Protein backbone atom coordinates (compact mmCIF):
# COMPACT_ATOMS: atom_id res chain seq x y z
CA MET A 1 69.77 45.07 150.48
CA ASP A 2 68.62 47.90 148.22
CA HIS A 3 69.92 51.04 149.95
CA SER A 4 68.15 53.25 147.40
CA ILE A 5 64.77 52.52 149.10
CA THR A 6 64.32 55.05 151.90
CA LEU A 7 61.97 55.14 154.89
CA LYS A 8 60.04 57.87 153.06
CA ASP A 9 59.53 55.50 150.10
CA ILE A 10 58.23 52.75 152.41
CA LYS A 11 55.82 55.14 154.13
CA LYS A 12 54.50 56.36 150.78
CA SER A 13 54.12 52.77 149.61
CA ASN A 14 52.12 51.86 152.71
CA TYR A 15 49.94 54.96 152.35
CA SER A 16 49.29 54.18 148.68
CA SER A 17 48.67 50.47 149.24
CA ILE A 18 46.13 51.10 151.99
CA TYR A 19 44.20 53.66 149.95
CA HIS A 20 44.10 51.48 146.83
CA LEU A 21 43.10 48.40 148.81
CA ILE A 22 40.12 50.27 150.28
CA TYR A 23 39.32 51.69 146.84
CA GLN A 24 39.26 48.23 145.25
CA ASN A 25 37.22 46.57 148.02
CA GLY A 26 34.67 49.27 148.79
CA LYS A 27 34.84 48.85 152.57
CA LEU A 28 37.45 47.30 154.84
CA SER A 29 38.21 47.12 158.55
CA LYS A 30 41.55 48.03 160.06
CA GLN A 31 42.31 44.38 160.81
CA GLU A 32 41.45 43.27 157.27
CA ILE A 33 43.81 45.89 155.85
CA ALA A 34 46.60 44.74 158.16
CA ASN A 35 46.03 41.09 157.26
CA GLN A 36 45.90 41.62 153.49
CA LEU A 37 48.91 43.93 153.32
CA HIS A 38 50.92 42.16 156.07
CA LEU A 39 51.32 45.41 157.98
CA SER A 40 51.24 46.08 161.72
CA LEU A 41 48.09 47.59 163.21
CA PRO A 42 49.98 50.74 164.36
CA THR A 43 51.21 51.30 160.77
CA VAL A 44 47.70 50.85 159.39
CA THR A 45 46.21 53.13 162.05
CA GLN A 46 48.76 55.87 161.34
CA ASN A 47 47.97 55.85 157.63
CA LEU A 48 44.20 55.68 158.14
CA VAL A 49 44.40 58.75 160.38
CA ARG A 50 46.37 60.59 157.70
CA LEU A 51 43.98 59.56 154.89
CA GLU A 52 41.01 60.63 157.01
CA LYS A 53 42.63 63.96 157.81
CA GLU A 54 43.16 64.54 154.07
CA ARG A 55 39.48 63.64 153.51
CA LEU A 56 40.37 60.83 151.11
CA ILE A 57 38.66 58.18 153.26
CA GLU A 58 35.94 58.15 155.89
CA LYS A 59 34.44 55.86 158.51
CA SER A 60 31.45 54.15 156.94
CA GLY A 61 29.50 52.24 159.54
CA GLN A 62 30.52 49.00 161.18
CA PHE A 63 30.81 45.38 160.13
CA GLU A 64 28.47 42.80 161.64
CA SER A 65 30.05 40.60 164.29
CA SER A 66 28.73 37.69 166.34
CA VAL A 67 31.40 38.15 168.99
CA GLY A 68 33.05 41.17 170.56
CA ARG A 69 33.04 44.73 169.30
CA ARG A 70 32.00 45.43 165.75
CA ALA A 71 34.89 46.64 163.56
CA THR A 72 34.75 50.10 161.99
CA ALA A 73 34.44 50.07 158.21
CA TYR A 74 36.59 52.43 156.16
CA ALA A 75 35.63 53.59 152.65
CA ILE A 76 37.01 56.14 150.22
CA CYS A 77 35.36 59.55 149.85
CA PRO A 78 34.29 59.40 146.18
CA GLN A 79 33.97 63.16 145.81
CA ALA A 80 37.31 63.94 147.43
CA ARG A 81 38.32 64.82 143.88
CA ILE A 82 36.15 65.54 140.85
CA SER A 83 36.76 65.60 137.12
CA ILE A 84 34.70 67.38 134.47
CA GLY A 85 33.83 65.94 131.06
CA VAL A 86 32.47 68.05 128.20
CA GLU A 87 31.12 66.54 124.98
CA ILE A 88 31.15 69.05 122.11
CA GLN A 89 28.81 68.32 119.20
CA LYS A 90 27.72 70.41 116.24
CA LYS A 91 24.58 71.75 117.86
CA ARG A 92 24.76 70.87 121.53
CA VAL A 93 27.06 70.36 124.51
CA ARG A 94 26.85 67.97 127.43
CA ILE A 95 28.75 68.76 130.66
CA LEU A 96 29.06 66.31 133.54
CA ALA A 97 31.00 65.73 136.73
CA ILE A 98 32.39 62.36 137.81
CA ASP A 99 33.83 61.25 141.13
CA LEU A 100 36.85 59.08 141.92
CA LEU A 101 34.83 55.94 141.17
CA GLY A 102 33.92 57.26 137.72
CA GLY A 103 30.30 57.79 138.72
CA THR A 104 28.35 60.71 137.23
CA PHE A 105 26.67 62.76 139.94
CA GLN A 106 25.61 65.85 138.01
CA HIS A 107 25.18 66.79 134.36
CA THR A 108 23.62 69.41 132.14
CA ASP A 109 22.87 69.80 128.44
CA LEU A 110 22.73 73.00 126.44
CA LEU A 111 21.96 73.94 122.89
CA LEU A 112 25.08 75.62 121.56
CA ALA A 113 25.94 75.46 117.87
CA TYR A 114 29.67 75.01 117.31
CA SER A 115 31.52 77.90 115.75
CA ASN A 116 35.27 78.21 115.39
CA ASP A 117 35.44 81.70 116.86
CA GLU A 118 36.21 83.48 120.11
CA SER A 119 32.58 84.11 121.05
CA TYR A 120 31.79 80.38 121.00
CA PHE A 121 34.83 79.46 123.11
CA LYS A 122 33.97 82.18 125.63
CA GLU A 123 30.32 81.10 125.85
CA LEU A 124 31.27 77.44 126.26
CA SER A 125 33.90 78.25 128.90
CA ASP A 126 31.39 80.38 130.81
CA ALA A 127 28.88 77.51 130.73
CA VAL A 128 31.49 75.08 132.07
CA GLN A 129 32.48 77.50 134.84
CA THR A 130 28.81 78.04 135.78
CA PHE A 131 28.38 74.26 135.98
CA ILE A 132 31.46 73.89 138.20
CA THR A 133 30.26 76.71 140.46
CA SER A 134 26.91 74.92 140.86
CA LEU A 135 28.76 71.92 142.33
CA ASN A 136 29.65 74.08 145.34
CA VAL A 137 33.07 72.46 145.90
CA GLU A 138 36.51 73.88 146.61
CA GLN A 139 38.55 74.65 143.51
CA GLU A 140 41.38 72.33 144.55
CA ARG A 141 39.02 69.34 144.37
CA ILE A 142 38.55 69.84 140.61
CA LEU A 143 41.25 67.79 138.88
CA GLY A 144 40.68 69.04 135.34
CA ILE A 145 38.37 69.32 132.35
CA GLY A 146 38.36 66.99 129.35
CA PHE A 147 36.75 68.31 126.16
CA ALA A 148 35.59 65.45 123.92
CA VAL A 149 35.60 66.44 120.26
CA GLN A 150 34.75 64.81 116.94
CA ALA A 151 38.35 65.20 115.87
CA LEU A 152 41.80 63.69 116.18
CA THR A 153 43.96 65.21 118.88
CA SER A 154 47.66 65.43 119.63
CA ILE A 155 49.03 62.74 121.95
CA ASP A 156 49.09 65.20 124.87
CA GLY A 157 45.57 66.46 124.15
CA GLN A 158 46.69 70.05 123.79
CA SER A 159 45.65 70.55 120.17
CA ILE A 160 43.39 69.21 117.43
CA THR A 161 45.36 67.69 114.57
CA TYR A 162 42.45 66.77 112.28
CA GLY A 163 38.99 68.25 112.72
CA LYS A 164 36.97 68.26 109.50
CA ILE A 165 33.55 67.67 111.14
CA LEU A 166 33.81 70.75 113.36
CA ASP A 167 36.27 72.65 111.17
CA SER A 168 38.68 72.72 114.09
CA THR A 169 42.01 71.52 112.67
CA GLY A 170 44.92 73.24 114.40
CA LEU A 171 42.85 74.43 117.37
CA ASP A 172 44.84 74.80 120.60
CA ILE A 173 43.33 74.00 124.00
CA GLN A 174 44.32 77.51 125.06
CA VAL A 175 41.20 78.88 123.34
CA LEU A 176 39.27 77.33 126.24
CA SER A 177 41.81 77.06 129.05
CA GLN A 178 42.45 80.83 128.98
CA TYR A 179 39.02 81.25 130.59
CA LEU A 180 39.22 78.30 132.98
CA ASN A 181 41.56 78.03 135.93
CA TYR A 182 41.93 74.26 135.66
CA PRO A 183 44.00 71.80 133.62
CA CYS A 184 42.27 71.23 130.26
CA MET A 185 42.73 68.86 127.33
CA PHE A 186 41.03 67.63 124.16
CA VAL A 187 39.97 63.98 123.82
CA HIS A 188 38.93 62.23 120.60
CA ASP A 189 35.28 61.26 121.23
CA ALA A 190 35.57 57.61 120.15
CA LYS A 191 38.72 57.13 122.23
CA GLY A 192 36.90 58.73 125.16
CA ALA A 193 34.04 56.25 124.83
CA ALA A 194 36.54 53.38 124.63
CA THR A 195 38.23 54.69 127.79
CA THR A 196 34.89 54.51 129.61
CA GLU A 197 34.40 50.94 128.38
CA LEU A 198 37.82 50.00 129.76
CA TRP A 199 37.00 51.67 133.08
CA MET A 200 33.67 49.86 133.47
CA ARG A 201 34.68 46.37 132.36
CA SER A 202 37.40 44.13 133.73
CA ASP A 203 37.02 41.54 130.97
CA ILE A 204 38.58 43.64 128.20
CA GLY A 205 42.26 43.38 127.44
CA ASP A 206 42.48 43.97 123.72
CA ALA A 207 39.54 45.11 121.58
CA VAL A 208 38.39 47.26 118.68
CA TYR A 209 35.81 49.83 119.74
CA LEU A 210 33.38 51.20 117.14
CA SER A 211 31.45 54.29 118.17
CA ILE A 212 28.44 54.38 115.84
CA GLY A 213 26.91 57.82 116.26
CA MET A 214 25.84 60.42 113.72
CA HIS A 215 29.45 60.03 112.65
CA LEU A 216 31.53 56.89 113.01
CA GLY A 217 34.60 56.68 115.20
CA GLY A 218 37.01 53.93 116.15
CA ALA A 219 39.59 53.09 118.79
CA VAL A 220 41.98 50.20 119.32
CA ILE A 221 42.53 48.90 122.86
CA ILE A 222 45.81 47.05 123.44
CA ASN A 223 46.98 45.86 126.86
CA ASP A 224 44.21 47.81 128.62
CA ARG A 225 45.24 51.08 126.95
CA ILE A 226 44.01 53.14 124.02
CA GLU A 227 46.53 52.74 121.21
CA MET A 228 47.15 56.20 119.77
CA GLY A 229 49.73 55.23 117.15
CA LYS A 230 52.71 57.22 115.95
CA GLU A 231 50.69 60.27 114.84
CA GLY A 232 47.53 59.78 116.90
CA HIS A 233 45.26 58.32 114.21
CA SER A 234 45.47 54.64 115.14
CA GLY A 235 41.98 53.15 115.10
CA THR A 236 40.39 55.65 112.70
CA VAL A 237 38.64 52.89 110.79
CA GLU A 238 35.93 55.37 109.81
CA HIS A 239 38.18 56.39 106.90
CA MET A 240 38.90 52.86 105.72
CA THR A 241 37.77 52.62 102.08
CA ILE A 242 34.78 50.35 101.51
CA ASP A 243 34.18 51.38 97.89
CA PRO A 244 36.49 53.85 96.08
CA ASN A 245 33.52 54.88 93.91
CA GLY A 246 31.13 55.23 96.86
CA PRO A 247 29.56 58.31 98.49
CA SER A 248 31.69 61.33 99.34
CA CYS A 249 33.03 61.48 102.87
CA TYR A 250 33.67 64.66 104.87
CA CYS A 251 37.39 63.81 104.68
CA GLY A 252 37.30 64.52 100.94
CA LYS A 253 37.65 60.88 99.84
CA LYS A 254 34.95 58.53 98.55
CA GLY A 255 33.41 55.38 100.00
CA CYS A 256 34.84 55.53 103.51
CA MET A 257 33.34 53.29 106.20
CA GLU A 258 31.84 56.51 107.61
CA THR A 259 29.57 56.80 104.57
CA TYR A 260 28.14 53.30 105.08
CA CYS A 261 28.27 52.55 108.82
CA SER A 262 27.38 55.81 110.61
CA VAL A 263 23.95 56.88 111.84
CA ASN A 264 24.01 59.59 109.16
CA ALA A 265 24.32 56.82 106.56
CA LEU A 266 21.48 54.84 108.13
CA LEU A 267 18.83 57.50 108.63
CA GLU A 268 16.98 59.57 106.09
CA GLU A 269 16.47 63.30 106.58
CA ASP A 270 14.47 64.18 109.74
CA GLU A 271 14.41 60.55 110.94
CA THR A 272 15.44 59.66 114.47
CA LEU A 273 16.92 56.43 115.79
CA ASP A 274 13.84 55.97 117.98
CA PHE A 275 11.52 56.15 114.99
CA PHE A 276 13.73 54.03 112.75
CA PHE A 277 14.02 51.16 115.22
CA GLN A 278 10.32 51.28 116.06
CA GLN A 279 9.70 50.54 112.39
CA VAL A 280 12.37 47.83 112.28
CA ARG A 281 11.08 46.04 115.37
CA SER A 282 7.53 46.31 114.01
CA GLY A 283 8.67 44.46 110.89
CA ILE A 284 8.03 47.29 108.41
CA ARG A 285 9.65 45.84 105.28
CA SER A 286 11.42 48.91 103.88
CA TYR A 287 13.04 49.64 107.27
CA VAL A 288 14.01 46.02 107.84
CA GLU A 289 15.69 46.01 104.42
CA ARG A 290 17.61 49.22 105.19
CA TRP A 291 18.74 47.82 108.52
CA ASN A 292 19.82 44.55 106.88
CA ALA A 293 21.82 46.49 104.26
CA PHE A 294 23.46 48.52 107.04
CA LEU A 295 24.43 45.32 108.86
CA ASP A 296 25.85 43.94 105.59
CA TYR A 297 28.23 46.90 105.28
CA LEU A 298 29.07 46.74 108.97
CA ALA A 299 29.84 43.01 108.71
CA PHE A 300 31.98 43.64 105.60
CA SER A 301 33.97 46.27 107.52
CA ILE A 302 34.26 44.26 110.74
CA ASN A 303 35.55 41.26 108.80
CA ASN A 304 38.28 43.35 107.12
CA ILE A 305 39.37 44.82 110.44
CA HIS A 306 39.13 41.47 112.21
CA LEU A 307 41.46 39.86 109.68
CA VAL A 308 44.10 42.43 110.64
CA ILE A 309 43.30 42.68 114.36
CA ASP A 310 41.98 39.36 115.70
CA ARG A 311 40.38 40.78 118.83
CA GLU A 312 36.98 41.40 120.43
CA PHE A 313 34.76 44.10 118.89
CA ILE A 314 32.59 46.46 120.94
CA LEU A 315 29.77 48.43 119.32
CA GLY A 316 29.02 51.69 121.12
CA GLY A 317 27.82 55.19 120.35
CA HIS A 318 24.28 56.48 119.89
CA ILE A 319 23.18 53.27 118.20
CA SER A 320 24.15 50.91 121.04
CA PRO A 321 20.98 51.35 123.20
CA PHE A 322 18.91 50.16 120.21
CA LEU A 323 20.93 47.03 119.49
CA GLN A 324 19.57 43.62 120.44
CA LYS A 325 21.12 40.20 120.74
CA SER A 326 19.44 39.23 117.46
CA ASP A 327 21.33 42.04 115.69
CA ILE A 328 24.66 40.82 117.09
CA ASP A 329 23.84 37.23 116.15
CA CYS A 330 23.01 38.43 112.63
CA LEU A 331 26.33 40.30 112.42
CA HIS A 332 28.27 37.21 113.51
CA GLU A 333 26.50 35.17 110.86
CA LYS A 334 27.21 37.74 108.14
CA VAL A 335 30.89 37.97 109.13
CA ASN A 336 31.25 34.18 109.20
CA ARG A 337 29.75 33.88 105.72
CA ARG A 338 32.29 36.36 104.40
CA THR A 339 35.48 35.50 106.28
CA ALA A 340 38.11 32.90 105.44
CA PHE A 341 38.26 32.04 109.15
CA PRO A 342 34.75 31.48 110.57
CA SER A 343 34.58 31.54 114.35
CA ASN A 344 32.23 29.63 116.64
CA GLU A 345 33.09 31.99 119.48
CA PRO A 346 31.17 35.30 119.53
CA PHE A 347 33.53 38.29 119.38
CA ILE A 348 31.14 41.21 118.75
CA HIS A 349 29.57 42.81 121.83
CA ILE A 350 27.29 45.73 122.69
CA SER A 351 28.88 48.55 124.70
CA SER A 352 27.98 48.85 128.37
CA SER A 353 28.98 52.51 128.75
CA GLY A 354 25.63 54.09 127.84
CA GLU A 355 24.84 57.53 126.47
CA ASN A 356 27.41 59.31 128.66
CA GLY A 357 30.34 57.19 127.52
CA VAL A 358 32.01 60.02 125.60
CA PRO A 359 32.04 62.80 128.27
CA ILE A 360 32.83 60.32 131.05
CA GLY A 361 35.78 59.09 129.00
CA ALA A 362 36.97 62.67 128.56
CA ALA A 363 36.98 63.12 132.34
CA ILE A 364 38.50 59.77 133.35
CA PRO A 365 42.18 60.56 132.49
CA TYR A 366 42.33 63.13 135.30
CA ILE A 367 40.87 60.58 137.74
CA GLN A 368 43.38 57.95 136.58
CA ALA A 369 46.28 60.38 136.95
CA PHE A 370 45.21 61.28 140.51
CA LEU A 371 44.83 57.64 141.56
CA ASN A 372 48.19 56.75 140.01
CA ALA A 373 49.83 59.56 141.98
CA ILE A 374 48.58 58.40 145.38
């Protein structure tokens, strides 16, 4: 017998198991909980009363029954805790709130040009605080705030280690957290989007995530986790060299994947993705040719990465809502023509996280930490 396991440990285990079972199933009756966890009804009842008192679960109607009394259904309270995600871009900011299920229930956008100075950080912090106040919830229900940035961050999210796009290298989270009475951290935008993909899909174990927005970003998913690497830049395929004599990249090098496979590389000045793809789908030759050239470079890059990391690929970012099955089929064909190891099995997929993938992913770590602690 393991004498290190105390009665307190067993009670906590029962409490945790009951909450997570309800969380995973949506709704359960008291008897179903007892049956699935092999616990006595008094033990289940005691824990349900405690979880209800702490407003983590609630009674949610009754189950249908052909005989006898209908059993009460128990469900979690999704907004028992809330996390805030903030996506910082060059000219705008998106702020949203997610619940314990990862669902977005409120968001706002504001035009706010990034500037690496105190006035910007104060204005952004004030906007976040105003948003939180509008939620009309107790402060203790706010788990934390994740700030998604177009930059590499330290492993703990407390500083920016490489931020050429926003000129934010060396920035400490304290520039924002000093104005906000909540835990705060930075999240690399592509890794945030990959986190959302992991949250939403149960069929991903290992994958390479490509966030194709105005700038390109990458993330590697291994064993259901974002692989950060020794110094936090694992997955930054955007700076993989495609052509050493190619266009200049913001990193100071030439011919990076960023300069061929980002939305900035695809569009001409003043074009939008909406307009571009309207022309492509209408069969306008010059646009079809540009799109085909873009897919050529993307296939070239995917093949190189795939030879090193033989895993699924997920295409997300601003471009993902415009992608069609025919585009993915074309990519597979282009990769197979180029690779030494053609595959009959499709391995490139369109992201399912949508336009809010980045800020949701910035907020999810606080939700995960709370659930893990129960």
